[in-house]
Each structure stands twice: as C-alpha cells, then as structure tokens.
C-alpha cells in the first residue's frame, strides 16, 4: 500500500511541478526581456490565471472523485468524464469573451497603470482566450490519475512544460513577439498535456467511458462541492496576489509588486508540490474509502501527513539558505531595490508553508471521501477570509513585514479551526484513527 502511495505521490508531484513551470518559464524570460515592469505585469495577470485554473481544478477534481468512488462501488460512470468537459467549456465562455473585448480593462481593475495595462494587454487576451484548454486540461489529468494511469498525467505535464520553456524563448526572442510570444507558449502547454493523456484514453488499459449524456446541474453542484478544495486552493493564489498587489502598490510601488511577483512564482512551485502530494493521495483514498476499508484509509492519511510535513520543513529551510540566489534568477537587471524587498520577504512568507501543507492534506482528505463541510470551511478560511483580513491589518501594523507574515497567520489560524472542527468528530487529526465515519 505504501509503495503504491509513494508512486502516486511522486508522479503527481512531478506532474504538478510541470504545471507550475508554465508560469515560472514566463517569469524568467519576461524578466530577461522586460525587467521589473514586465514582472509587475505578469504578477497582475496571476489572479486571472489563478481563477481559470481554480475552476478547472474544481471541476476536474470533483468529477474525478465522483468517478473513482462510483467505480469502486460498481455504480454507473459512463457519462462523468464528458460531463466534466462540457461544464469546463461552458464556464470558460465568459473568460473568452472578456479576453476578446476587454483584456486591458481587467488589468486596470487589478491595479495596472496605463503603461502596464498596455504592455500586458495581448498576453492577458491570449491567456483568457485559452481558458477552455486550461480548464479541460485539469479534467484530463485528474481522470488519468483516477484511472490508474498517473504516469500519463505526469509525463504529459512535464512535456507541456518543456514545450513552454522552448517556445517561450523561440516566440519571445527568435520571433520577436515579446509578451504575446510568452502567452502563445503558455496556451500551447495544456494541448501537449492533453495529447499525452489521450494516449491513455485510447489504450487498452483505459477504463474511462466517453458516453455523452444529459448534463445535470445538480450533479455539477455536488461534484463542485467535493472539488471545492481544488477551486479555493488555486483561487487563493489569485486572491492573495491581488490583495498583496494592491497593498504593496500603496506601500512601495511597482518594484515591491515585482518583488512579490518573484516570490509568488517561486512559491507556486511549493504550492504545486503540496497539491501534487494531496492529489496523488486522493485517488487511493477515494478508492479505499469506496471499498469500506477504514483502517487503510487512516494509514493513507497518516502517510500523506508525514510526507507533507517533511516537505514543508524543506521549503522553509531552502528559503532561508538560498534566498538570494533564488531571487537573483529572476532579477536580470540586478535591481537592488527588488532584492532588498524580496530576500527578507521570501523568508517571512515561506514560514506559512509549515502549516499550509498540513491544511492542504487535511482538506484534500475530506474531498477524497466526498465530505464537503470541512473542505468548504477550511478552504474558504485559508484561501479567502483570513488572508484578505490579515494582509491589510498586519501591513498597517508592521509595514512590508506584515504583508509577508499574513500568509503564515492565515494558515496557522486555519489549522487551529480545522483541528477544533475535527475534534468534534474524532479524537484528533494527529492520531489518524477512526477517520471514516
């Protein structure tokens, strides 16, 4: 069991890191081509990308969990995948329309001045128009993992990232397309990933049916509530970025926003690792739960918690030891002001990962067994309510340091509240026993 869990987790983590490289590659090449202003523009588009990806995560994860539990219980699953794709495409339509008609308006709404909005207009347009691909991509990957084919999702994700790295350079510098080239490379990534997942769906080992049925709004809402951890987990990144951007613009201007952009993109890799661990455990927990094997579910939860805790400690150590070289990778201009903000900032910000990983694992567990109450409460607290509340308050009290510490404050309070909620049902999360009611 543990060997299989390690395999699922490692493949899922590799795949999620591959997804995070979409943005990291853009960050690196845009820093080379456009400096601090380019980084500020890219950081202002992260809430847009975060919302698109969050919706895709909610649908992909929610429908895949439903598929996995139903399959384990030998219930009907023949229309679930195609329903996930239908809703992904339908919900993406408003994003496409905004991308066509008002991409610069969205940037101004997120705090960009006229110059930055003009610089990022075409990049934002293409990202929004590519939203159906990003949303559907998550369903392809989630169903692969839940159909005993995590390697296809992992390889596809890494292949997409390699495509992004190569064509970022080709489109931006060889073809001279600048920001537009970066967007073209990013939009092509999910296409590559889905092609690899399709290779599994076309193989003899495929167990995912492709029958088209009548979409059900009730089924959408039920699956969305189960996938809420995926939605708020990714949406939180966008909300945090938007709140931080507005506060930092008031405190120190565009360079501070660029400094946070660097930290946010490095943190994106860590968040992807956390999500990879949680999503790697999800298919196993869902299947085991569907079979009614309570003791094995508890063992899987404990294994996931241990892996998550060890990884979180590693993130914090790396942020303290390697802060300057990490920041310097994305500071091609050698901007001293950016370094002055970002080096202490990454060390303070990353303290939050000591609790973030554990919160992600607990929420993912409840999502995997289709128990949405703690999923929704925990996700809303850490992703929206607390981070939005703490950031301006701590910034007013501590200045820039308060902004960096707000992530940790939100995660700590979330952990305490989840622990209290959990103890109403069992003897405590730490014991990892009697976890399936």
Protein backbone atom coordinates (compact mmCIF):
# COMPACT_ATOMS: atom_id res chain seq x y z
CA UNK A 1 0.00 0.00 0.00
CA UNK A 2 2.72 2.49 0.97
CA UNK A 3 4.74 1.65 -2.13
CA UNK A 4 1.73 2.37 -4.31
CA UNK A 5 1.07 5.61 -2.40
CA UNK A 6 4.67 6.72 -2.89
CA UNK A 7 4.34 6.02 -6.62
CA UNK A 8 1.13 8.02 -6.95
CA UNK A 9 2.51 10.91 -4.91
CA UNK A 10 5.83 11.11 -6.76
CA UNK A 11 4.16 11.03 -10.17
CA UNK A 12 1.53 13.56 -9.12
CA UNK A 13 4.14 15.92 -7.64
CA UNK A 14 6.23 15.71 -10.81
CA UNK A 15 3.14 16.48 -12.87
CA UNK A 16 2.09 19.44 -10.72
CA UNK A 17 5.61 20.88 -10.78
CA UNK A 18 5.37 20.61 -14.53
CA UNK A 19 2.20 22.72 -14.43
CA UNK A 20 3.88 25.37 -12.26
CA UNK A 21 6.71 25.68 -14.77
CA UNK A 22 4.17 27.25 -17.16
CA UNK A 23 4.37 30.44 -15.11
CA UNK A 24 7.98 30.08 -13.94
CA UNK A 25 9.24 29.93 -17.52
CA UNK A 26 7.25 33.06 -18.34
CA UNK A 27 8.66 34.77 -15.25
CA UNK A 28 12.25 34.01 -16.18
CA UNK A 29 12.02 35.01 -19.84
CA UNK A 30 9.88 38.08 -19.16
CA UNK A 31 12.40 39.22 -16.55
CA UNK A 32 15.09 38.95 -19.24
CA UNK A 33 13.10 40.84 -21.81
CA UNK A 34 11.19 43.43 -19.77
CA UNK A 35 12.76 43.71 -16.31
CA UNK A 36 10.83 44.83 -13.23
CA UNK A 37 7.93 46.33 -15.20
CA UNK A 38 7.43 43.03 -17.05
CA UNK A 39 7.43 41.13 -13.76
CA UNK A 40 4.85 43.55 -12.35
CA UNK A 41 2.59 42.96 -15.37
CA UNK A 42 2.95 39.20 -15.11
CA UNK A 43 2.15 39.30 -11.41
CA UNK A 44 -1.03 41.26 -12.13
CA UNK A 45 -2.18 38.52 -14.52
CA UNK A 46 -1.71 35.76 -11.92
CA UNK A 47 -5.16 36.30 -10.33
CA UNK A 48 -6.71 35.79 -13.79
CA UNK A 49 -4.77 32.61 -14.41
CA UNK A 50 -5.46 31.50 -10.84
CA UNK A 51 -9.23 31.84 -11.27
CA UNK A 52 -9.20 29.96 -14.59
CA UNK A 53 -7.11 27.16 -13.18
CA UNK A 54 -9.16 27.08 -9.95
CA UNK A 55 -12.39 26.45 -11.83
CA UNK A 56 -10.69 23.74 -13.88
CA UNK A 57 -9.37 22.18 -10.66
CA UNK A 58 -12.79 22.24 -9.01
CA UNK A 59 -14.46 20.52 -11.96
CA UNK A 60 -11.65 18.08 -12.72
CA UNK A 61 -11.09 17.02 -9.13
CA UNK A 62 -14.79 16.92 -8.20
CA UNK A 63 -15.91 14.83 -11.16
CA UNK A 64 -12.84 12.57 -10.90
CA UNK A 65 -13.53 11.85 -7.20
CA UNK A 66 -17.13 11.03 -8.10
CA UNK A 67 -15.91 8.73 -10.87
CA UNK A 68 -13.43 6.96 -8.59
CA UNK A 69 -15.89 6.34 -5.73
CA UNK A 70 -18.64 5.19 -8.11
CA UNK A 71 -16.26 2.87 -9.91
CA UNK A 72 -15.11 1.30 -6.63
CA UNK A 73 -18.76 0.78 -5.69
CA UNK A 74 -19.53 -0.65 -9.17
CA UNK A 75 -22.00 2.12 -9.98
CA UNK A 76 -22.65 3.84 -13.32
CA UNK A 77 -19.77 6.05 -14.54
CA UNK A 78 -20.24 6.20 -18.32
CA UNK A 79 -21.03 9.94 -18.75
CA UNK A 80 -18.99 11.54 -15.94
CA UNK A 81 -15.87 12.46 -17.93
CA UNK A 82 -17.74 14.04 -20.84
CA UNK A 83 -19.93 15.97 -18.41
CA UNK A 84 -16.79 17.42 -16.79
CA UNK A 85 -15.55 18.53 -20.21
CA UNK A 86 -18.94 20.03 -21.11
CA UNK A 87 -19.11 22.17 -17.98
CA UNK A 88 -15.45 23.22 -18.35
CA UNK A 89 -16.07 24.55 -21.86
CA UNK A 90 -19.38 26.21 -20.96
CA UNK A 91 -17.98 28.00 -17.89
CA UNK A 92 -14.93 29.20 -19.85
CA UNK A 93 -17.03 31.19 -22.34
CA UNK A 94 -17.20 34.43 -20.25
CA UNK A 95 -13.41 34.39 -19.90
CA UNK A 96 -13.02 34.07 -23.66
CA UNK A 97 -15.40 37.00 -24.25
CA UNK A 98 -13.52 39.22 -21.78
CA UNK A 99 -10.26 38.25 -23.46
CA UNK A 100 -11.61 39.26 -26.86
CA UNK A 101 -13.21 42.57 -25.84
CA UNK A 102 -11.50 43.95 -22.70
CA UNK A 103 -8.18 42.39 -21.60
CA UNK A 104 -6.66 45.77 -20.69
CA UNK A 105 -9.75 46.61 -18.64
CA UNK A 106 -9.14 43.56 -16.45
CA UNK A 107 -5.52 44.62 -15.91
CA UNK A 108 -6.56 48.12 -14.86
CA UNK A 109 -9.11 46.58 -12.48
CA UNK A 110 -6.25 44.60 -10.91
CA UNK A 111 -4.18 47.73 -10.31
CA UNK A 112 -2.16 48.22 -13.51
CA UNK A 113 -1.49 51.78 -14.65
CA UNK A 114 -1.96 52.76 -18.31
CA UNK A 115 1.60 51.78 -19.30
CA UNK A 116 1.49 48.35 -17.63
CA UNK A 117 -2.00 47.65 -18.95
CA UNK A 118 -0.84 48.34 -22.50
CA UNK A 119 2.24 46.18 -22.05
CA UNK A 120 0.24 43.18 -20.82
CA UNK A 121 -2.85 43.56 -22.99
CA UNK A 122 -2.11 40.87 -25.60
CA UNK A 123 -0.67 38.45 -23.03
CA UNK A 124 -3.87 38.71 -20.99
CA UNK A 125 -6.05 38.39 -24.10
CA UNK A 126 -4.45 35.09 -25.12
CA UNK A 127 -4.49 33.63 -21.60
CA UNK A 128 -8.22 34.39 -21.30
CA UNK A 129 -8.98 33.03 -24.77
CA UNK A 130 -7.08 29.86 -23.85
CA UNK A 131 -9.19 29.29 -20.74
CA UNK A 132 -11.14 26.31 -22.23
CA UNK A 133 -7.82 24.50 -22.72
CA UNK A 134 -6.60 25.20 -19.18
CA UNK A 135 -9.91 24.10 -17.63
CA UNK A 136 -10.26 20.92 -19.68
CA UNK A 137 -6.62 20.03 -19.05
CA UNK A 138 -7.29 19.54 -15.34
CA UNK A 139 -10.08 17.03 -16.07
CA UNK A 140 -7.82 15.07 -18.42
CA UNK A 141 -5.10 14.85 -15.77
CA UNK A 142 -7.45 14.06 -12.88
CA UNK A 143 -9.24 11.25 -14.73
CA UNK A 144 -5.91 9.76 -15.79
CA UNK A 145 -4.77 9.65 -12.16
CA UNK A 146 -8.09 8.14 -11.06
CA UNK A 147 -7.95 5.54 -13.83
CA UNK A 148 -4.68 4.01 -12.57
CA UNK A 149 -2.57 5.97 -15.07
CA UNK A 150 -0.77 8.70 -13.07
CA UNK A 151 2.32 8.30 -15.26
CA UNK A 152 0.47 9.60 -18.32
CA UNK A 153 -0.64 12.71 -16.42
CA UNK A 154 2.88 13.25 -15.13
CA UNK A 155 4.64 12.77 -18.47
CA UNK A 156 2.08 14.94 -20.22
CA UNK A 157 2.52 17.72 -17.70
CA UNK A 158 6.30 17.66 -17.96
CA UNK A 159 6.13 17.54 -21.77
CA UNK A 160 3.85 20.58 -21.73
CA UNK A 161 6.30 22.43 -19.53
CA UNK A 162 9.22 21.57 -21.77
CA UNK A 163 7.20 22.89 -24.71
CA UNK A 164 6.62 26.11 -22.77
CA UNK A 165 10.29 26.61 -21.96
CA UNK A 166 11.45 26.03 -25.53
CA UNK A 167 8.76 28.10 -27.21
CA UNK A 168 8.93 30.92 -24.68
CA UNK A 169 12.42 31.51 -26.00
CA UNK A 170 11.51 30.88 -29.64
CA UNK A 171 8.40 33.09 -29.69
CA UNK A 172 9.72 35.87 -27.45
CA UNK A 173 13.27 36.30 -28.75
CA UNK A 174 13.72 34.45 -32.04
CA UNK A 175 10.34 35.50 -33.48
CA UNK A 176 10.40 38.81 -31.58
CA UNK A 177 6.82 38.51 -30.29
CA UNK A 178 7.58 39.65 -26.73
CA UNK A 179 4.70 39.25 -24.26
CA UNK A 180 2.49 37.83 -26.98
CA UNK A 181 5.03 35.08 -27.58
CA UNK A 182 5.08 34.18 -23.89
CA UNK A 183 1.29 33.81 -23.94
CA UNK A 184 1.34 31.67 -27.09
CA UNK A 185 3.84 29.30 -25.49
CA UNK A 186 1.78 29.06 -22.29
CA UNK A 187 -1.51 28.41 -24.11
CA UNK A 188 0.12 25.56 -26.04
CA UNK A 189 1.10 23.70 -22.84
CA UNK A 190 -2.31 22.17 -21.97
CA UNK A 191 -2.69 20.98 -25.55
CA UNK A 192 0.51 18.95 -25.24
CA UNK A 193 -0.53 17.56 -21.85
CA UNK A 194 -3.98 16.53 -23.07
CA UNK A 195 -2.47 14.73 -26.06
CA UNK A 196 -0.45 12.54 -23.70
CA UNK A 197 -3.50 11.85 -21.53
CA UNK A 198 -5.43 10.94 -24.69
CA UNK A 199 -2.82 8.28 -25.38
CA UNK A 200 -4.01 6.51 -22.22
CA UNK A 201 -7.68 7.00 -23.07
CA UNK A 202 -7.07 5.35 -26.47
CA UNK A 203 -5.15 2.42 -24.96
CA UNK A 204 -6.46 -0.99 -23.96
CA UNK A 205 -5.99 -0.11 -20.28
CA UNK A 206 -8.43 2.79 -20.38
CA UNK A 207 -11.39 2.47 -18.03
CA UNK A 208 -12.90 5.94 -18.55
CA UNK A 209 -16.13 5.81 -20.61
CA UNK A 210 -16.78 8.58 -23.16
CA UNK A 211 -20.54 8.44 -23.49
CA UNK A 212 -22.29 11.80 -23.85
CA UNK A 213 -25.28 12.15 -21.54
CA UNK A 214 -27.60 14.93 -20.42
CA UNK A 215 -25.69 17.39 -18.19
CA UNK A 216 -27.11 17.71 -14.70
CA UNK A 217 -26.92 20.98 -12.76
CA UNK A 218 -27.48 19.04 -9.54
CA UNK A 219 -24.58 16.73 -10.38
CA UNK A 220 -22.42 19.75 -11.22
CA UNK A 221 -23.14 21.35 -7.84
CA UNK A 222 -22.46 18.13 -5.95
CA UNK A 223 -19.16 17.48 -7.73
CA UNK A 224 -18.19 21.14 -7.39
CA UNK A 225 -18.67 20.99 -3.63
CA UNK A 226 -16.38 17.95 -3.49
CA UNK A 227 -13.83 19.71 -5.71
CA UNK A 228 -14.04 22.93 -3.71
CA UNK A 229 -10.60 22.29 -2.19
CA UNK A 230 -9.13 22.38 -5.67
CA UNK A 231 -11.02 25.55 -6.54
CA UNK A 232 -10.22 27.56 -3.46
CA UNK A 233 -6.69 26.18 -3.25
CA UNK A 234 -5.88 27.62 -6.68
CA UNK A 235 -8.20 30.62 -6.44
CA UNK A 236 -6.50 31.53 -3.16
CA UNK A 237 -3.27 32.12 -5.04
CA UNK A 238 -5.01 34.64 -7.26
CA UNK A 239 -6.80 36.35 -4.39
CA UNK A 240 -3.62 36.55 -2.33
CA UNK A 241 -1.75 38.01 -5.29
CA UNK A 242 -4.44 40.62 -5.96
CA UNK A 243 -4.63 41.68 -2.30
CA UNK A 244 -0.84 41.78 -1.94
CA UNK A 245 -0.52 43.80 -5.16
CA UNK A 246 -2.93 46.49 -4.01
CA UNK A 247 -1.37 46.74 -0.54
CA UNK A 248 2.17 46.82 -1.90
CA UNK A 249 1.34 49.43 -4.52
CA UNK A 250 0.23 51.64 -1.65
CA UNK A 251 3.29 50.88 0.46
CA UNK A 252 6.14 50.93 -2.04
CA UNK A 253 5.04 50.97 -5.70
CA UNK A 254 5.72 48.80 -8.74
CA UNK A 255 9.11 47.45 -7.63
CA UNK A 256 7.55 45.96 -4.49
CA UNK A 257 4.90 44.35 -6.69
CA UNK A 258 7.66 42.92 -8.88
CA UNK A 259 9.44 41.58 -5.77
CA UNK A 260 6.27 39.86 -4.66
CA UNK A 261 5.83 38.53 -8.18
CA UNK A 262 9.17 36.75 -7.92
CA UNK A 263 8.28 35.29 -4.51
CA UNK A 264 4.79 34.30 -5.64
CA UNK A 265 6.17 32.40 -8.61
CA UNK A 266 8.76 30.57 -6.53
CA UNK A 267 6.02 29.80 -4.01
CA UNK A 268 3.93 28.46 -6.89
CA UNK A 269 6.34 25.55 -7.19
CA UNK A 270 5.96 24.78 -3.48
CA UNK A 271 2.18 25.05 -3.73
CA UNK A 272 2.29 22.69 -6.71
CA UNK A 273 4.28 20.17 -4.68
CA UNK A 274 1.72 20.38 -1.85
CA UNK A 275 -1.13 19.96 -4.33
CA UNK A 276 0.73 17.10 -6.00
CA UNK A 277 1.07 15.22 -2.72
CA UNK A 278 -2.60 15.77 -1.88
CA UNK A 279 -3.85 14.88 -5.36
CA UNK A 280 -1.57 11.86 -5.51
CA UNK A 281 -3.17 10.55 -2.33
CA UNK A 282 -6.72 11.38 -3.44
CA UNK A 283 -7.35 8.50 -5.89
CA UNK A 284 -6.05 5.95 -3.39
CA UNK A 285 -8.10 7.39 -0.50
CA UNK A 286 -11.23 7.60 -2.67
CA UNK A 287 -10.91 4.01 -3.90
CA UNK A 288 -10.10 2.67 -0.44
CA UNK A 289 -12.98 4.64 1.08
CA UNK A 290 -15.32 3.35 -1.63
CA UNK A 291 -14.39 -0.21 -0.68
CA UNK A 292 -15.10 0.50 3.02
CA UNK A 293 -11.52 -0.21 4.21
CA UNK A 294 -11.42 2.21 7.17
CA UNK A 295 -8.05 1.18 8.62
CA UNK A 296 -6.29 1.55 5.28
CA UNK A 297 -7.86 4.97 4.77
CA UNK A 298 -6.41 6.05 8.12
CA UNK A 299 -2.97 4.71 7.14
CA UNK A 300 -3.06 6.58 3.85
CA UNK A 301 -3.99 9.83 5.62
CA UNK A 302 -1.12 9.40 8.09
CA UNK A 303 1.34 8.69 5.26
CA UNK A 304 0.20 11.82 3.40
CA UNK A 305 0.54 13.97 6.54
CA UNK A 306 4.09 12.77 7.20
CA UNK A 307 5.19 13.41 3.61
CA UNK A 308 3.56 16.84 3.64
CA UNK A 309 5.19 17.84 6.94
CA UNK A 310 8.68 16.79 5.81
CA UNK A 311 8.28 18.65 2.53
CA UNK A 312 7.07 21.81 4.27
CA UNK A 313 10.12 21.91 6.54
CA UNK A 314 12.35 21.55 3.47
CA UNK A 315 10.66 24.54 1.81
CA UNK A 316 11.34 26.77 4.81
CA UNK A 317 14.99 25.70 5.06
CA UNK A 318 15.55 26.37 1.36
CA UNK A 319 14.01 29.83 1.65
CA UNK A 320 16.40 30.78 4.44
CA UNK A 321 19.57 29.30 2.94
CA UNK A 322 19.08 30.06 -0.75
CA UNK A 323 17.02 33.28 -0.68
CA UNK A 324 19.49 35.45 -2.61
CA UNK A 325 20.34 33.03 -5.46
CA UNK A 326 16.66 32.16 -5.92
CA UNK A 327 15.63 35.80 -6.20
CA UNK A 328 18.61 36.65 -8.43
CA UNK A 329 17.49 34.15 -11.08
CA UNK A 330 14.53 36.43 -11.82
CA UNK A 331 16.35 39.75 -11.33
CA UNK A 332 18.20 40.07 -14.63
CA UNK A 333 18.58 43.85 -14.21
CA UNK A 334 20.32 43.44 -10.85
CA UNK A 335 17.73 45.76 -9.30
CA UNK A 336 18.98 46.42 -5.76
CA UNK A 337 15.59 47.67 -4.56
CA UNK A 338 13.91 44.47 -5.73
CA UNK A 339 16.49 42.38 -3.83
CA UNK A 340 16.02 44.50 -0.71
CA UNK A 341 12.30 43.73 -0.70
CA UNK A 342 12.39 40.12 -1.88
CA UNK A 343 15.18 38.50 0.16
CA UNK A 344 13.68 39.17 3.64
CA UNK A 345 10.23 38.78 2.12
CA UNK A 346 10.69 35.20 0.93
CA UNK A 347 11.98 34.11 4.34
CA UNK A 348 8.99 35.57 6.16
CA UNK A 349 6.45 34.45 3.59
CA UNK A 350 7.65 30.84 3.45
CA UNK A 351 7.11 30.31 7.19
CA UNK A 352 3.47 29.85 6.22
CA UNK A 353 4.29 26.60 4.42
CA UNK A 354 4.87 24.90 7.80
CA UNK A 355 1.09 24.92 8.22
CA UNK A 356 -0.13 25.27 4.62
CA UNK A 357 0.88 21.74 3.61
CA UNK A 358 -0.88 20.11 6.54
CA UNK A 359 -4.01 22.15 5.85
CA UNK A 360 -3.95 21.13 2.20
CA UNK A 361 -3.64 17.44 3.10
CA UNK A 362 -6.50 17.50 5.62
CA UNK A 363 -8.80 19.35 3.22
CA UNK A 364 -7.85 17.01 0.37
CA UNK A 365 -8.68 14.01 2.56
CA UNK A 366 -12.22 15.25 3.17
CA UNK A 367 -12.56 15.99 -0.51
CA UNK A 368 -11.42 12.45 -1.35
CA UNK A 369 -14.16 10.91 0.82
CA UNK A 370 -16.80 13.34 -0.51
CA UNK A 371 -17.36 15.17 2.81
CA UNK A 372 -17.62 18.82 1.77
CA UNK A 373 -18.22 20.59 5.10
CA UNK A 374 -14.62 20.85 6.31
CA UNK A 375 -13.47 21.17 2.69
CA UNK A 376 -15.53 24.31 2.20
CA UNK A 377 -14.86 25.85 5.64
CA UNK A 378 -11.12 25.16 5.61
CA UNK A 379 -10.68 26.26 2.02
CA UNK A 380 -12.63 29.48 2.47
CA UNK A 381 -10.73 30.37 5.64
CA UNK A 382 -7.22 29.89 4.26
CA UNK A 383 -7.93 30.98 0.71
CA UNK A 384 -10.20 33.97 1.12
CA UNK A 385 -11.41 35.13 4.51
CA UNK A 386 -8.27 35.11 6.62
CA UNK A 387 -5.70 36.14 4.02
CA UNK A 388 -7.87 39.04 2.89
CA UNK A 389 -8.41 40.08 6.51
CA UNK A 390 -4.86 39.69 7.81
CA UNK A 391 -2.99 41.37 4.93
CA UNK A 392 -4.19 44.98 5.34
CA UNK A 393 -4.30 44.73 9.14
CA UNK A 394 -0.74 43.40 9.50
CA UNK A 395 0.50 45.79 6.80
CA UNK A 396 -0.89 48.72 8.81
CA UNK A 397 0.82 47.42 11.96
CA UNK A 398 4.14 46.13 10.56
CA UNK A 399 4.51 47.61 7.08
CA UNK A 400 6.01 45.31 4.44
CA UNK A 401 6.86 42.71 7.08
CA UNK A 402 3.17 42.43 7.93
CA UNK A 403 2.31 41.68 4.31
CA UNK A 404 4.82 38.81 4.22
CA UNK A 405 3.66 37.37 7.56
CA UNK A 406 -0.05 37.43 6.64
CA UNK A 407 0.22 34.14 4.72
CA UNK A 408 1.58 32.36 7.82
CA UNK A 409 -1.02 33.99 10.08
CA UNK A 410 -3.88 32.80 7.85
CA UNK A 411 -2.55 29.23 7.69
CA UNK A 412 -1.98 28.98 11.46
CA UNK A 413 -5.49 30.17 12.32
CA UNK A 414 -6.96 27.85 9.66
CA UNK A 415 -5.09 24.90 11.15
CA UNK A 416 -6.42 25.63 14.65
CA UNK A 417 -10.01 25.97 13.41
CA UNK A 418 -9.82 22.76 11.35
CA UNK A 419 -8.39 20.96 14.38
CA UNK A 420 -11.29 22.14 16.52
CA UNK A 421 -13.82 21.09 13.87
CA UNK A 422 -12.14 17.73 13.52
CA UNK A 423 -12.17 17.02 17.25
CA UNK A 424 -15.95 17.27 17.23
CA UNK A 425 -15.93 14.09 15.17
CA UNK A 426 -12.86 12.13 16.31
CA UNK A 427 -10.16 12.11 18.93
CA UNK A 428 -7.93 14.33 16.79
CA UNK A 429 -6.30 14.53 13.41
CA UNK A 430 -2.88 13.71 14.76
CA UNK A 431 -3.95 10.21 15.72
CA UNK A 432 -5.21 9.48 12.19
CA UNK A 433 -7.65 6.95 13.57
CA UNK A 434 -11.40 6.49 13.22
CA UNK A 435 -11.22 8.98 10.38
CA UNK A 436 -14.05 7.49 8.37
CA UNK A 437 -17.42 7.84 9.98
